[in-house]
Amino acid sequence: EGRIGGSSAPTVFGCNPYAQPVDEWLRLTGRRDSVDLSGNMA
């Protein structure tokens, strides 16, 4: 919570094709909840 993790580092550096750096900033600053991927089969 509130930390940049290994999975979020690519988003912060702009090399995640599925999210933008602003998405991670919103999550880290509590302005947006983390996406729940528990139902994702992959």
PDB file of all heavy atoms in Angstrom:
ATOM      1  N   GLU A   1       0.827  -1.210   0.000  1.00  0.00           N
ATOM      2  CA  GLU A   1       0.000   0.000   0.000  1.00  0.00           C
ATOM      3  C   GLU A   1       0.860   1.258   0.000  1.00  0.00           C
ATOM      4  O   GLU A   1       1.741   1.420   0.851  1.00  0.00           O
ATOM      5  CB  GLU A   1      -0.952   0.003   1.198  1.00  0.00           C
ATOM      6  CG  GLU A   1      -2.052  -1.017   1.081  1.00  0.00           C
ATOM      7  CD  GLU A   1      -2.981  -1.019   2.276  1.00  0.00           C
ATOM      8  OE1 GLU A   1      -2.861  -0.130   3.156  1.00  0.00           O
ATOM      9  OE2 GLU A   1      -3.842  -1.911   2.344  1.00  0.00           O
ATOM     10  N   GLY A   2       0.605   2.144  -0.954  1.00  0.00           N
ATOM     11  CA  GLY A   2       1.317   3.414  -1.026  1.00  0.00           C
ATOM     12  C   GLY A   2       2.759   3.300  -1.479  1.00  0.00           C
ATOM     13  O   GLY A   2       3.510   4.267  -1.379  1.00  0.00           O
ATOM     14  N   ARG A   3       3.159   2.135  -1.947  1.00  0.00           N
ATOM     15  CA  ARG A   3       4.535   1.919  -2.383  1.00  0.00           C
ATOM     16  C   ARG A   3       4.561   1.502  -3.856  1.00  0.00           C
ATOM     17  O   ARG A   3       3.629   0.893  -4.350  1.00  0.00           O
ATOM     18  CB  ARG A   3       5.205   0.817  -1.562  1.00  0.00           C
ATOM     19  CG  ARG A   3       5.339   1.147  -0.105  1.00  0.00           C
ATOM     20  CD  ARG A   3       5.944  -0.039   0.646  1.00  0.00           C
ATOM     21  NE  ARG A   3       6.048   0.229   2.066  1.00  0.00           N
ATOM     22  CZ  ARG A   3       7.060   0.847   2.640  1.00  0.00           C
ATOM     23  NH1 ARG A   3       8.076   1.257   1.935  1.00  0.00           N
ATOM     24  NH2 ARG A   3       7.074   1.055   3.934  1.00  0.00           N
ATOM     25  N   ILE A   4       5.664   1.802  -4.509  1.00  0.00           N
ATOM     26  CA  ILE A   4       5.868   1.360  -5.879  1.00  0.00           C
ATOM     27  C   ILE A   4       6.449  -0.042  -5.807  1.00  0.00           C
ATOM     28  O   ILE A   4       7.530  -0.243  -5.264  1.00  0.00           O
ATOM     29  CB  ILE A   4       6.818   2.293  -6.645  1.00  0.00           C
ATOM     30  CG1 ILE A   4       6.225   3.712  -6.711  1.00  0.00           C
ATOM     31  CG2 ILE A   4       7.092   1.743  -8.045  1.00  0.00           C
ATOM     32  CD1 ILE A   4       7.192   4.749  -7.246  1.00  0.00           C
ATOM     33  N   GLY A   5       5.718  -1.008  -6.327  1.00  0.00           N
ATOM     34  CA  GLY A   5       6.154  -2.397  -6.317  1.00  0.00           C
ATOM     35  C   GLY A   5       6.743  -2.807  -7.654  1.00  0.00           C
ATOM     36  O   GLY A   5       6.686  -2.064  -8.641  1.00  0.00           O
ATOM     37  N   GLY A   6       7.298  -3.999  -7.681  1.00  0.00           N
ATOM     38  CA  GLY A   6       7.889  -4.515  -8.908  1.00  0.00           C
ATOM     39  C   GLY A   6       6.893  -4.587 -10.047  1.00  0.00           C
ATOM     40  O   GLY A   6       7.224  -4.285 -11.190  1.00  0.00           O
ATOM     41  N   SER A   7       5.659  -4.960  -9.742  1.00  0.00           N
ATOM     42  CA  SER A   7       4.635  -5.047 -10.783  1.00  0.00           C
ATOM     43  C   SER A   7       4.194  -3.672 -11.277  1.00  0.00           C
ATOM     44  O   SER A   7       3.748  -3.537 -12.417  1.00  0.00           O
ATOM     45  CB  SER A   7       3.410  -5.813 -10.268  1.00  0.00           C
ATOM     46  OG  SER A   7       3.770  -7.135  -9.944  1.00  0.00           O
ATOM     47  N   SER A   8       4.304  -2.664 -10.421  1.00  0.00           N
ATOM     48  CA  SER A   8       3.879  -1.323 -10.833  1.00  0.00           C
ATOM     49  C   SER A   8       5.016  -0.490 -11.422  1.00  0.00           C
ATOM     50  O   SER A   8       4.777   0.525 -12.074  1.00  0.00           O
ATOM     51  CB  SER A   8       3.229  -0.575  -9.664  1.00  0.00           C
ATOM     52  OG  SER A   8       4.094  -0.481  -8.572  1.00  0.00           O
ATOM     53  N   ALA A   9       6.263  -0.920 -11.223  1.00  0.00           N
ATOM     54  CA  ALA A   9       7.406  -0.167 -11.760  1.00  0.00           C
ATOM     55  C   ALA A   9       7.317   0.044 -13.274  1.00  0.00           C
ATOM     56  O   ALA A   9       7.568   1.157 -13.746  1.00  0.00           O
ATOM     57  CB  ALA A   9       8.719  -0.849 -11.378  1.00  0.00           C
ATOM     58  N   PRO A  10       6.937  -0.972 -14.063  1.00  0.00           N
ATOM     59  CA  PRO A  10       6.821  -0.731 -15.508  1.00  0.00           C
ATOM     60  C   PRO A  10       5.786   0.357 -15.853  1.00  0.00           C
ATOM     61  O   PRO A  10       5.986   1.117 -16.797  1.00  0.00           O
ATOM     62  CB  PRO A  10       6.392  -2.093 -16.065  1.00  0.00           C
ATOM     63  CG  PRO A  10       6.918  -3.077 -15.081  1.00  0.00           C
ATOM     64  CD  PRO A  10       6.761  -2.400 -13.740  1.00  0.00           C
ATOM     65  N   THR A  11       4.722   0.443 -15.066  1.00  0.00           N
ATOM     66  CA  THR A  11       3.727   1.493 -15.311  1.00  0.00           C
ATOM     67  C   THR A  11       4.329   2.857 -15.007  1.00  0.00           C
ATOM     68  O   THR A  11       4.182   3.803 -15.784  1.00  0.00           O
ATOM     69  CB  THR A  11       2.468   1.260 -14.448  1.00  0.00           C
ATOM     70  OG1 THR A  11       1.931  -0.027 -14.758  1.00  0.00           O
ATOM     71  CG2 THR A  11       1.418   2.327 -14.716  1.00  0.00           C
ATOM     72  N   VAL A  12       5.042   2.969 -13.884  1.00  0.00           N
ATOM     73  CA  VAL A  12       5.675   4.226 -13.501  1.00  0.00           C
ATOM     74  C   VAL A  12       6.632   4.699 -14.599  1.00  0.00           C
ATOM     75  O   VAL A  12       6.697   5.883 -14.913  1.00  0.00           O
ATOM     76  CB  VAL A  12       6.411   4.074 -12.151  1.00  0.00           C
ATOM     77  CG1 VAL A  12       7.267   5.287 -11.845  1.00  0.00           C
ATOM     78  CG2 VAL A  12       5.414   3.819 -11.027  1.00  0.00           C
ATOM     79  N   PHE A  13       7.358   3.766 -15.200  1.00  0.00           N
ATOM     80  CA  PHE A  13       8.328   4.101 -16.240  1.00  0.00           C
ATOM     81  C   PHE A  13       7.718   4.168 -17.636  1.00  0.00           C
ATOM     82  O   PHE A  13       8.437   4.375 -18.621  1.00  0.00           O
ATOM     83  CB  PHE A  13       9.499   3.114 -16.222  1.00  0.00           C
ATOM     84  CG  PHE A  13      10.484   3.415 -15.139  1.00  0.00           C
ATOM     85  CD1 PHE A  13      10.400   2.770 -13.915  1.00  0.00           C
ATOM     86  CD2 PHE A  13      11.473   4.370 -15.316  1.00  0.00           C
ATOM     87  CE1 PHE A  13      11.299   3.054 -12.898  1.00  0.00           C
ATOM     88  CE2 PHE A  13      12.367   4.666 -14.317  1.00  0.00           C
ATOM     89  CZ  PHE A  13      12.282   4.014 -13.098  1.00  0.00           C
ATOM     90  N   GLY A  14       6.406   3.989 -17.740  1.00  0.00           N
ATOM     91  CA  GLY A  14       5.725   4.146 -19.024  1.00  0.00           C
ATOM     92  C   GLY A  14       5.911   3.003 -19.999  1.00  0.00           C
ATOM     93  O   GLY A  14       5.728   3.183 -21.201  1.00  0.00           O
ATOM     94  N   CYS A  15       6.251   1.804 -19.506  1.00  0.00           N
ATOM     95  CA  CYS A  15       6.434   0.679 -20.432  1.00  0.00           C
ATOM     96  C   CYS A  15       5.445  -0.457 -20.167  1.00  0.00           C
ATOM     97  O   CYS A  15       5.690  -1.596 -20.541  1.00  0.00           O
ATOM     98  CB  CYS A  15       7.877   0.191 -20.423  1.00  0.00           C
ATOM     99  SG  CYS A  15       8.526  -0.276 -18.820  1.00  0.00           S
ATOM    100  N   ASN A  16       4.339  -0.145 -19.530  1.00  0.00           N
ATOM    101  CA  ASN A  16       3.261  -1.109 -19.349  1.00  0.00           C
ATOM    102  C   ASN A  16       2.198  -0.794 -20.396  1.00  0.00           C
ATOM    103  O   ASN A  16       1.591   0.279 -20.353  1.00  0.00           O
ATOM    104  CB  ASN A  16       2.670  -0.982 -17.938  1.00  0.00           C
ATOM    105  CG  ASN A  16       1.498  -1.920 -17.711  1.00  0.00           C
ATOM    106  OD1 ASN A  16       1.017  -2.594 -18.613  1.00  0.00           O
ATOM    107  ND2 ASN A  16       1.024  -1.953 -16.482  1.00  0.00           N
ATOM    108  N   PRO A  17       1.956  -1.708 -21.339  1.00  0.00           N
ATOM    109  CA  PRO A  17       0.977  -1.415 -22.387  1.00  0.00           C
ATOM    110  C   PRO A  17      -0.467  -1.363 -21.890  1.00  0.00           C
ATOM    111  O   PRO A  17      -1.356  -0.937 -22.617  1.00  0.00           O
ATOM    112  CB  PRO A  17       1.166  -2.568 -23.387  1.00  0.00           C
ATOM    113  CG  PRO A  17       1.741  -3.679 -22.584  1.00  0.00           C
ATOM    114  CD  PRO A  17       2.571  -3.025 -21.504  1.00  0.00           C
ATOM    115  N   TYR A  18      -0.716  -1.773 -20.645  1.00  0.00           N
ATOM    116  CA  TYR A  18      -2.078  -1.842 -20.120  1.00  0.00           C
ATOM    117  C   TYR A  18      -2.437  -0.714 -19.164  1.00  0.00           C
ATOM    118  O   TYR A  18      -3.573  -0.636 -18.706  1.00  0.00           O
ATOM    119  CB  TYR A  18      -2.291  -3.198 -19.430  1.00  0.00           C
ATOM    120  CG  TYR A  18      -1.933  -4.348 -20.324  1.00  0.00           C
ATOM    121  CD1 TYR A  18      -0.773  -5.076 -20.123  1.00  0.00           C
ATOM    122  CD2 TYR A  18      -2.740  -4.679 -21.412  1.00  0.00           C
ATOM    123  CE1 TYR A  18      -0.425  -6.129 -20.965  1.00  0.00           C
ATOM    124  CE2 TYR A  18      -2.402  -5.726 -22.264  1.00  0.00           C
ATOM    125  CZ  TYR A  18      -1.252  -6.440 -22.033  1.00  0.00           C
ATOM    126  OH  TYR A  18      -0.905  -7.463 -22.871  1.00  0.00           O
ATOM    127  N   ALA A  19      -1.488   0.143 -18.815  1.00  0.00           N
ATOM    128  CA  ALA A  19      -1.768   1.237 -17.879  1.00  0.00           C
ATOM    129  C   ALA A  19      -0.810   2.391 -18.126  1.00  0.00           C
ATOM    130  O   ALA A  19       0.278   2.211 -18.654  1.00  0.00           O
ATOM    131  CB  ALA A  19      -1.639   0.741 -16.437  1.00  0.00           C
ATOM    132  N   GLN A  20      -1.230   3.553 -17.715  1.00  0.00           N
ATOM    133  CA  GLN A  20      -0.434   4.769 -17.859  1.00  0.00           C
ATOM    134  C   GLN A  20       0.144   5.176 -16.500  1.00  0.00           C
ATOM    135  O   GLN A  20      -0.435   4.864 -15.456  1.00  0.00           O
ATOM    136  CB  GLN A  20      -1.305   5.912 -18.398  1.00  0.00           C
ATOM    137  CG  GLN A  20      -1.855   5.657 -19.784  1.00  0.00           C
ATOM    138  CD  GLN A  20      -0.742   5.519 -20.803  1.00  0.00           C
ATOM    139  OE1 GLN A  20       0.182   6.321 -20.826  1.00  0.00           O
ATOM    140  NE2 GLN A  20      -0.823   4.497 -21.638  1.00  0.00           N
ATOM    141  N   PRO A  21       1.260   5.896 -16.498  1.00  0.00           N
ATOM    142  CA  PRO A  21       1.845   6.338 -15.221  1.00  0.00           C
ATOM    143  C   PRO A  21       0.853   7.066 -14.321  1.00  0.00           C
ATOM    144  O   PRO A  21       0.879   6.895 -13.103  1.00  0.00           O
ATOM    145  CB  PRO A  21       2.992   7.248 -15.662  1.00  0.00           C
ATOM    146  CG  PRO A  21       3.403   6.711 -16.992  1.00  0.00           C
ATOM    147  CD  PRO A  21       2.103   6.271 -17.640  1.00  0.00           C
ATOM    148  N   VAL A  22      -0.040   7.845 -14.895  1.00  0.00           N
ATOM    149  CA  VAL A  22      -1.014   8.576 -14.077  1.00  0.00           C
ATOM    150  C   VAL A  22      -1.926   7.611 -13.328  1.00  0.00           C
ATOM    151  O   VAL A  22      -2.349   7.887 -12.207  1.00  0.00           O
ATOM    152  CB  VAL A  22      -1.831   9.583 -14.918  1.00  0.00           C
ATOM    153  CG1 VAL A  22      -2.778   8.877 -15.882  1.00  0.00           C
ATOM    154  CG2 VAL A  22      -2.575  10.553 -14.019  1.00  0.00           C
ATOM    155  N   ASP A  23      -2.212   6.431 -13.915  1.00  0.00           N
ATOM    156  CA  ASP A  23      -3.026   5.428 -13.228  1.00  0.00           C
ATOM    157  C   ASP A  23      -2.355   4.977 -11.937  1.00  0.00           C
ATOM    158  O   ASP A  23      -2.996   4.846 -10.897  1.00  0.00           O
ATOM    159  CB  ASP A  23      -3.260   4.203 -14.125  1.00  0.00           C
ATOM    160  CG  ASP A  23      -4.035   4.525 -15.381  1.00  0.00           C
ATOM    161  OD1 ASP A  23      -4.976   5.335 -15.309  1.00  0.00           O
ATOM    162  OD2 ASP A  23      -3.693   3.959 -16.443  1.00  0.00           O
ATOM    163  N   GLU A  24      -1.049   4.767 -12.005  1.00  0.00           N
ATOM    164  CA  GLU A  24      -0.312   4.323 -10.825  1.00  0.00           C
ATOM    165  C   GLU A  24      -0.221   5.445  -9.801  1.00  0.00           C
ATOM    166  O   GLU A  24      -0.340   5.216  -8.595  1.00  0.00           O
ATOM    167  CB  GLU A  24       1.078   3.819 -11.221  1.00  0.00           C
ATOM    168  CG  GLU A  24       1.803   3.122 -10.112  1.00  0.00           C
ATOM    169  CD  GLU A  24       1.084   1.885  -9.578  1.00  0.00           C
ATOM    170  OE1 GLU A  24       0.207   1.307 -10.248  1.00  0.00           O
ATOM    171  OE2 GLU A  24       1.399   1.495  -8.438  1.00  0.00           O
ATOM    172  N   TRP A  25      -0.031   6.670 -10.261  1.00  0.00           N
ATOM    173  CA  TRP A  25       0.008   7.813  -9.348  1.00  0.00           C
ATOM    174  C   TRP A  25      -1.329   7.942  -8.611  1.00  0.00           C
ATOM    175  O   TRP A  25      -1.351   8.153  -7.392  1.00  0.00           O
ATOM    176  CB  TRP A  25       0.317   9.097 -10.130  1.00  0.00           C
ATOM    177  CG  TRP A  25       0.299  10.312  -9.268  1.00  0.00           C
ATOM    178  CD1 TRP A  25       1.279  10.743  -8.428  1.00  0.00           C
ATOM    179  CD2 TRP A  25      -0.773  11.254  -9.153  1.00  0.00           C
ATOM    180  NE1 TRP A  25       0.886  11.898  -7.797  1.00  0.00           N
ATOM    181  CE2 TRP A  25      -0.375  12.241  -8.227  1.00  0.00           C
ATOM    182  CE3 TRP A  25      -2.027  11.362  -9.743  1.00  0.00           C
ATOM    183  CZ2 TRP A  25      -1.184  13.310  -7.876  1.00  0.00           C
ATOM    184  CZ3 TRP A  25      -2.839  12.423  -9.393  1.00  0.00           C
ATOM    185  CH2 TRP A  25      -2.409  13.386  -8.469  1.00  0.00           C
ATOM    186  N   LEU A  26      -2.440   7.793  -9.325  1.00  0.00           N
ATOM    187  CA  LEU A  26      -3.759   7.866  -8.692  1.00  0.00           C
ATOM    188  C   LEU A  26      -3.929   6.776  -7.635  1.00  0.00           C
ATOM    189  O   LEU A  26      -4.458   7.018  -6.552  1.00  0.00           O
ATOM    190  CB  LEU A  26      -4.865   7.751  -9.748  1.00  0.00           C
ATOM    191  CG  LEU A  26      -5.013   8.956 -10.681  1.00  0.00           C
ATOM    192  CD1 LEU A  26      -5.929   8.610 -11.842  1.00  0.00           C
ATOM    193  CD2 LEU A  26      -5.524  10.164  -9.919  1.00  0.00           C
ATOM    194  N   ARG A  27      -3.440   5.565  -7.922  1.00  0.00           N
ATOM    195  CA  ARG A  27      -3.529   4.463  -6.965  1.00  0.00           C
ATOM    196  C   ARG A  27      -2.639   4.724  -5.752  1.00  0.00           C
ATOM    197  O   ARG A  27      -3.073   4.579  -4.607  1.00  0.00           O
ATOM    198  CB  ARG A  27      -3.126   3.142  -7.632  1.00  0.00           C
ATOM    199  CG  ARG A  27      -3.338   1.931  -6.729  1.00  0.00           C
ATOM    200  CD  ARG A  27      -2.689   0.680  -7.284  1.00  0.00           C
ATOM    201  NE  ARG A  27      -1.246   0.733  -7.253  1.00  0.00           N
ATOM    202  CZ  ARG A  27      -0.481   0.542  -6.173  1.00  0.00           C
ATOM    203  NH1 ARG A  27      -1.035   0.325  -5.002  1.00  0.00           N
ATOM    204  NH2 ARG A  27       0.832   0.590  -6.235  1.00  0.00           N
ATOM    205  N   LEU A  28      -1.415   5.147  -6.002  1.00  0.00           N
ATOM    206  CA  LEU A  28      -0.463   5.365  -4.910  1.00  0.00           C
ATOM    207  C   LEU A  28      -0.879   6.499  -3.981  1.00  0.00           C
ATOM    208  O   LEU A  28      -0.574   6.470  -2.785  1.00  0.00           O
ATOM    209  CB  LEU A  28       0.933   5.647  -5.460  1.00  0.00           C
ATOM    210  CG  LEU A  28       1.644   4.452  -6.079  1.00  0.00           C
ATOM    211  CD1 LEU A  28       2.879   4.904  -6.845  1.00  0.00           C
ATOM    212  CD2 LEU A  28       2.009   3.436  -5.016  1.00  0.00           C
ATOM    213  N   THR A  29      -1.556   7.489  -4.509  1.00  0.00           N
ATOM    214  CA  THR A  29      -1.982   8.625  -3.700  1.00  0.00           C
ATOM    215  C   THR A  29      -3.383   8.442  -3.124  1.00  0.00           C
ATOM    216  O   THR A  29      -3.919   9.365  -2.520  1.00  0.00           O
ATOM    217  CB  THR A  29      -1.913   9.932  -4.522  1.00  0.00           C
ATOM    218  OG1 THR A  29      -2.751   9.801  -5.683  1.00  0.00           O
ATOM    219  CG2 THR A  29      -0.480  10.250  -4.926  1.00  0.00           C
ATOM    220  N   GLY A  30      -3.954   7.246  -3.311  1.00  0.00           N
ATOM    221  CA  GLY A  30      -5.258   6.940  -2.738  1.00  0.00           C
ATOM    222  C   GLY A  30      -6.435   7.558  -3.463  1.00  0.00           C
ATOM    223  O   GLY A  30      -7.551   7.561  -2.949  1.00  0.00           O
ATOM    224  N   ARG A  31      -6.222   8.082  -4.643  1.00  0.00           N
ATOM    225  CA  ARG A  31      -7.303   8.695  -5.409  1.00  0.00           C
ATOM    226  C   ARG A  31      -8.080   7.671  -6.244  1.00  0.00           C
ATOM    227  O   ARG A  31      -9.111   7.974  -6.794  1.00  0.00           O
ATOM    228  CB  ARG A  31      -6.736   9.787  -6.311  1.00  0.00           C
ATOM    229  CG  ARG A  31      -6.224  10.980  -5.527  1.00  0.00           C
ATOM    230  CD  ARG A  31      -5.513  11.966  -6.457  1.00  0.00           C
ATOM    231  NE  ARG A  31      -5.180  13.194  -5.785  1.00  0.00           N
ATOM    232  CZ  ARG A  31      -4.067  13.401  -5.094  1.00  0.00           C
ATOM    233  NH1 ARG A  31      -3.180  12.429  -4.965  1.00  0.00           N
ATOM    234  NH2 ARG A  31      -3.825  14.554  -4.519  1.00  0.00           N
ATOM    235  N   ARG A  32      -7.521   6.465  -6.346  1.00  0.00           N
ATOM    236  CA  ARG A  32      -8.170   5.382  -7.089  1.00  0.00           C
ATOM    237  C   ARG A  32      -7.813   4.072  -6.405  1.00  0.00           C
ATOM    238  O   ARG A  32      -6.679   3.869  -5.989  1.00  0.00           O
ATOM    239  CB  ARG A  32      -7.686   5.373  -8.538  1.00  0.00           C
ATOM    240  CG  ARG A  32      -8.346   4.277  -9.380  1.00  0.00           C
ATOM    241  CD  ARG A  32      -7.828   4.251 -10.803  1.00  0.00           C
ATOM    242  NE  ARG A  32      -8.258   5.440 -11.510  1.00  0.00           N
ATOM    243  CZ  ARG A  32      -7.768   5.822 -12.680  1.00  0.00           C
ATOM    244  NH1 ARG A  32      -6.818   5.117 -13.269  1.00  0.00           N
ATOM    245  NH2 ARG A  32      -8.201   6.914 -13.273  1.00  0.00           N
ATOM    246  N   ASP A  33      -8.792   3.179  -6.308  1.00  0.00           N
ATOM    247  CA  ASP A  33      -8.536   1.861  -5.722  1.00  0.00           C
ATOM    248  C   ASP A  33      -7.728   1.011  -6.698  1.00  0.00           C
ATOM    249  O   ASP A  33      -7.783   1.199  -7.917  1.00  0.00           O
ATOM    250  CB  ASP A  33      -9.856   1.145  -5.427  1.00  0.00           C
ATOM    251  CG  ASP A  33     -10.603   1.762  -4.253  1.00  0.00           C
ATOM    252  OD1 ASP A  33      -9.945   2.401  -3.404  1.00  0.00           O
ATOM    253  OD2 ASP A  33     -11.836   1.604  -4.192  1.00  0.00           O
ATOM    254  N   SER A  34      -7.017   0.049  -6.146  1.00  0.00           N
ATOM    255  CA  SER A  34      -6.304  -0.922  -6.973  1.00  0.00           C
ATOM    256  C   SER A  34      -7.326  -1.746  -7.733  1.00  0.00           C
ATOM    257  O   SER A  34      -8.427  -2.004  -7.242  1.00  0.00           O
ATOM    258  CB  SER A  34      -5.462  -1.861  -6.113  1.00  0.00           C
ATOM    259  OG  SER A  34      -4.442  -1.156  -5.461  1.00  0.00           O
ATOM    260  N   VAL A  35      -6.960  -2.158  -8.930  1.00  0.00           N
ATOM    261  CA  VAL A  35      -7.836  -2.994  -9.728  1.00  0.00           C
ATOM    262  C   VAL A  35      -7.805  -4.401  -9.143  1.00  0.00           C
ATOM    263  O   VAL A  35      -6.732  -4.938  -8.854  1.00  0.00           O
ATOM    264  CB  VAL A  35      -7.372  -3.017 -11.208  1.00  0.00           C
ATOM    265  CG1 VAL A  35      -8.221  -3.956 -12.031  1.00  0.00           C
ATOM    266  CG2 VAL A  35      -7.396  -1.612 -11.782  1.00  0.00           C
ATOM    267  N   ASP A  36      -8.982  -4.994  -8.942  1.00  0.00           N
ATOM    268  CA  ASP A  36      -9.069  -6.353  -8.419  1.00  0.00           C
ATOM    269  C   ASP A  36      -8.929  -7.333  -9.583  1.00  0.00           C
ATOM    270  O   ASP A  36      -9.808  -7.429 -10.432  1.00  0.00           O
ATOM    271  CB  ASP A  36     -10.401  -6.556  -7.709  1.00  0.00           C
ATOM    272  CG  ASP A  36     -10.569  -7.950  -7.139  1.00  0.00           C
ATOM    273  OD1 ASP A  36      -9.604  -8.746  -7.175  1.00  0.00           O
ATOM    274  OD2 ASP A  36     -11.685  -8.251  -6.657  1.00  0.00           O
ATOM    275  N   LEU A  37      -7.801  -8.028  -9.626  1.00  0.00           N
ATOM    276  CA  LEU A  37      -7.542  -8.984 -10.701  1.00  0.00           C
ATOM    277  C   LEU A  37      -7.775 -10.427 -10.260  1.00  0.00           C
ATOM    278  O   LEU A  37      -7.441 -11.354 -10.996  1.00  0.00           O
ATOM    279  CB  LEU A  37      -6.097  -8.823 -11.199  1.00  0.00           C
ATOM    280  CG  LEU A  37      -5.759  -7.468 -11.819  1.00  0.00           C
ATOM    281  CD1 LEU A  37      -4.271  -7.400 -12.146  1.00  0.00           C
ATOM    282  CD2 LEU A  37      -6.596  -7.215 -13.055  1.00  0.00           C
ATOM    283  N   SER A  38      -8.380 -10.619  -9.089  1.00  0.00           N
ATOM    284  CA  SER A  38      -8.556 -11.972  -8.559  1.00  0.00           C
ATOM    285  C   SER A  38      -9.435 -12.840  -9.457  1.00  0.00           C
ATOM    286  O   SER A  38      -9.290 -14.059  -9.457  1.00  0.00           O
ATOM    287  CB  SER A  38      -9.127 -11.929  -7.144  1.00  0.00           C
ATOM    288  OG  SER A  38     -10.402 -11.315  -7.142  1.00  0.00           O
ATOM    289  N   GLY A  39     -10.331 -12.234 -10.220  1.00  0.00           N
ATOM    290  CA  GLY A  39     -11.197 -13.000 -11.117  1.00  0.00           C
ATOM    291  C   GLY A  39     -10.607 -13.211 -12.497  1.00  0.00           C
ATOM    292  O   GLY A  39     -11.199 -13.896 -13.334  1.00  0.00           O
ATOM    293  N   ASN A  40      -9.429 -12.653 -12.759  1.00  0.00           N
ATOM    294  CA  ASN A  40      -8.777 -12.776 -14.059  1.00  0.00           C
ATOM    295  C   ASN A  40      -8.130 -14.161 -14.161  1.00  0.00           C
ATOM    296  O   ASN A  40      -7.290 -14.524 -13.338  1.00  0.00           O
ATOM    297  CB  ASN A  40      -7.727 -11.669 -14.200  1.00  0.00           C
ATOM    298  CG  ASN A  40      -7.010 -11.701 -15.514  1.00  0.00           C
ATOM    299  OD1 ASN A  40      -6.352 -12.677 -15.850  1.00  0.00           O
ATOM    300  ND2 ASN A  40      -7.118 -10.603 -16.257  1.00  0.00           N
ATOM    301  N   MET A  41      -8.518 -14.938 -15.181  1.00  0.00           N
ATOM    302  CA  MET A  41      -8.030 -16.315 -15.308  1.00  0.00           C
ATOM    303  C   MET A  41      -6.513 -16.382 -15.482  1.00  0.00           C
ATOM    304  O   MET A  41      -5.855 -17.256 -14.915  1.00  0.00           O
ATOM    305  CB  MET A  41      -8.722 -17.032 -16.466  1.00  0.00           C
ATOM    306  CG  MET A  41      -8.310 -18.490 -16.606  1.00  0.00           C
ATOM    307  SD  MET A  41      -8.550 -19.492 -15.108  1.00  0.00           S
ATOM    308  CE  MET A  41     -10.268 -19.867 -15.221  1.00  0.00           C
ATOM    309  N   ALA A  42      -5.944 -15.463 -16.254  1.00  0.00           N
ATOM    310  CA  ALA A  42      -4.491 -15.472 -16.459  1.00  0.00           C
ATOM    311  C   ALA A  42      -3.763 -15.227 -15.137  1.00  0.00           C
ATOM    312  O   ALA A  42      -2.764 -15.882 -14.835  1.00  0.00           O
ATOM    313  CB  ALA A  42      -4.087 -14.427 -17.497  1.00  0.00           C
TER     314      ALA A  42
END
